[in-house]
Amino acid sequence: MEKQQRRKAVAAYKARRQQGGVFQIRNTQTGRILLRRTLDLRGSENRFQFAQMTGSCTDHALQADWQNGGWAFVFEVLEVLTQKETQTEAEFKSDIEALFELWQEKLADAPQY
């Protein structure tokens, strides 16, 4: 019976609709931001929180400032995009890329890493 439950859980996980989007990691001390996009917002936020808890930096661009204190960084979701049922992963990725480019233009004047 355990195998059937596992198969159902795996099938449910694969059938779920992804939530991707654009986020920034902002240094609250300097105001500088690191703009990123992802197909899995929840996973990216979990990675960031884990990095803060362990004191390890996951992005080389932030490394120097992270050494002065990972607590100074915040994870901020700028826009969420949910994958449509009829959308392939490639189409979803393309939509995320377009969204990312729009946010790059919006935040072009912001101090960035």
Protein backbone atom coordinates (compact mmCIF):
# COMPACT_ATOMS: atom_id res chain seq x y z
CA MET A 1 0.00 0.00 0.00
CA GLU A 2 2.89 2.34 0.68
CA LYS A 3 3.99 2.25 -2.98
CA GLN A 4 0.54 3.35 -4.14
CA GLN A 5 0.53 6.26 -1.70
CA ARG A 6 3.98 7.28 -2.89
CA ARG A 7 2.89 7.12 -6.53
CA LYS A 8 -0.16 9.25 -5.78
CA ALA A 9 1.99 11.80 -3.96
CA VAL A 10 4.48 11.95 -6.84
CA ALA A 11 1.67 12.30 -9.39
CA ALA A 12 0.05 15.09 -7.36
CA TYR A 13 3.40 16.89 -7.11
CA LYS A 14 3.98 16.68 -10.85
CA ALA A 15 0.41 17.80 -11.62
CA ARG A 16 0.60 20.93 -9.47
CA ARG A 17 0.87 24.23 -11.25
CA GLN A 18 4.13 26.02 -10.73
CA GLN A 19 4.38 29.54 -9.43
CA GLY A 20 7.32 31.40 -10.82
CA GLY A 21 8.14 35.03 -11.02
CA VAL A 22 10.54 37.84 -10.36
CA PHE A 23 12.08 38.62 -6.99
CA GLN A 24 14.78 40.77 -5.54
CA ILE A 25 17.20 40.27 -2.71
CA ARG A 26 17.66 43.68 -1.13
CA ASN A 27 20.40 44.78 1.22
CA THR A 28 18.61 46.87 3.84
CA GLN A 29 21.88 48.56 4.83
CA THR A 30 23.01 49.76 1.40
CA GLY A 31 19.77 49.66 -0.60
CA ARG A 32 21.41 47.63 -3.36
CA ILE A 33 19.31 44.92 -4.99
CA LEU A 34 19.92 41.67 -6.80
CA LEU A 35 17.15 41.06 -9.33
CA ARG A 36 16.39 37.42 -10.16
CA ARG A 37 13.73 35.29 -11.83
CA THR A 38 12.69 31.73 -11.14
CA LEU A 39 10.27 29.04 -12.19
CA ASP A 40 9.83 28.11 -8.51
CA LEU A 41 9.37 31.08 -6.18
CA ARG A 42 8.76 28.97 -3.12
CA GLY A 43 11.97 27.03 -3.66
CA SER A 44 13.98 30.21 -4.17
CA GLU A 45 12.61 31.73 -0.99
CA ASN A 46 13.34 28.55 0.96
CA ARG A 47 16.94 28.56 -0.36
CA PHE A 48 17.33 32.18 0.72
CA GLN A 49 15.96 31.49 4.21
CA PHE A 50 18.24 28.48 4.58
CA ALA A 51 21.23 30.58 3.52
CA GLN A 52 20.34 33.19 6.15
CA MET A 53 19.96 30.57 8.88
CA THR A 54 23.27 28.90 8.07
CA GLY A 55 25.18 32.09 7.28
CA SER A 56 26.12 30.84 3.81
CA CYS A 57 25.65 32.94 0.71
CA THR A 58 24.09 31.30 -2.34
CA ASP A 59 24.98 34.00 -4.85
CA HIS A 60 28.52 35.16 -5.64
CA ALA A 61 27.35 38.70 -6.40
CA LEU A 62 26.30 39.13 -2.77
CA GLN A 63 29.28 37.39 -1.20
CA ALA A 64 31.26 40.45 -0.05
CA ASP A 65 28.30 42.17 1.60
CA TRP A 66 26.95 38.88 2.95
CA GLN A 67 30.14 38.44 4.97
CA ASN A 68 29.19 41.60 6.88
CA GLY A 69 25.87 40.04 7.84
CA GLY A 70 23.32 37.96 5.97
CA TRP A 71 20.67 39.34 8.32
CA ALA A 72 20.82 42.62 6.37
CA PHE A 73 19.24 41.01 3.29
CA VAL A 74 15.54 40.53 2.58
CA PHE A 75 13.78 38.42 -0.04
CA GLU A 76 11.03 40.36 -1.81
CA VAL A 77 8.67 38.92 -4.42
CA LEU A 78 8.01 41.53 -7.10
CA GLU A 79 5.60 39.60 -9.31
CA VAL A 80 4.11 36.10 -9.33
CA LEU A 81 3.15 34.18 -12.44
CA THR A 82 1.26 30.89 -12.21
CA GLN A 83 1.77 28.33 -14.95
CA LYS A 84 -1.40 27.73 -16.94
CA GLU A 85 -2.69 24.19 -17.34
CA THR A 86 -2.18 24.30 -21.12
CA GLN A 87 1.24 25.94 -20.92
CA THR A 88 4.42 23.95 -21.50
CA GLU A 89 7.43 24.53 -19.29
CA ALA A 90 9.24 26.24 -22.18
CA GLU A 91 6.32 28.65 -22.67
CA PHE A 92 6.19 29.33 -18.95
CA LYS A 93 9.93 30.01 -18.89
CA SER A 94 9.54 32.40 -21.82
CA ASP A 95 6.82 34.31 -19.97
CA ILE A 96 9.03 34.55 -16.88
CA GLU A 97 11.89 35.89 -19.03
CA ALA A 98 9.64 38.58 -20.51
CA LEU A 99 8.46 39.55 -17.04
CA PHE A 100 12.07 39.71 -15.85
CA GLU A 101 13.02 42.05 -18.69
CA LEU A 102 10.16 44.38 -17.75
CA TRP A 103 11.37 44.50 -14.16
CA GLN A 104 14.94 45.13 -15.32
CA GLU A 105 13.68 48.22 -17.14
CA LYS A 106 11.61 49.36 -14.14
CA LEU A 107 14.54 49.02 -11.76
CA ALA A 108 17.28 50.19 -14.11
CA ASP A 109 18.04 53.21 -11.92
CA ALA A 110 18.15 51.28 -8.65
CA PRO A 111 21.59 50.47 -7.20
CA GLN A 112 22.26 46.85 -8.11
CA TYR A 113 24.78 44.08 -7.59
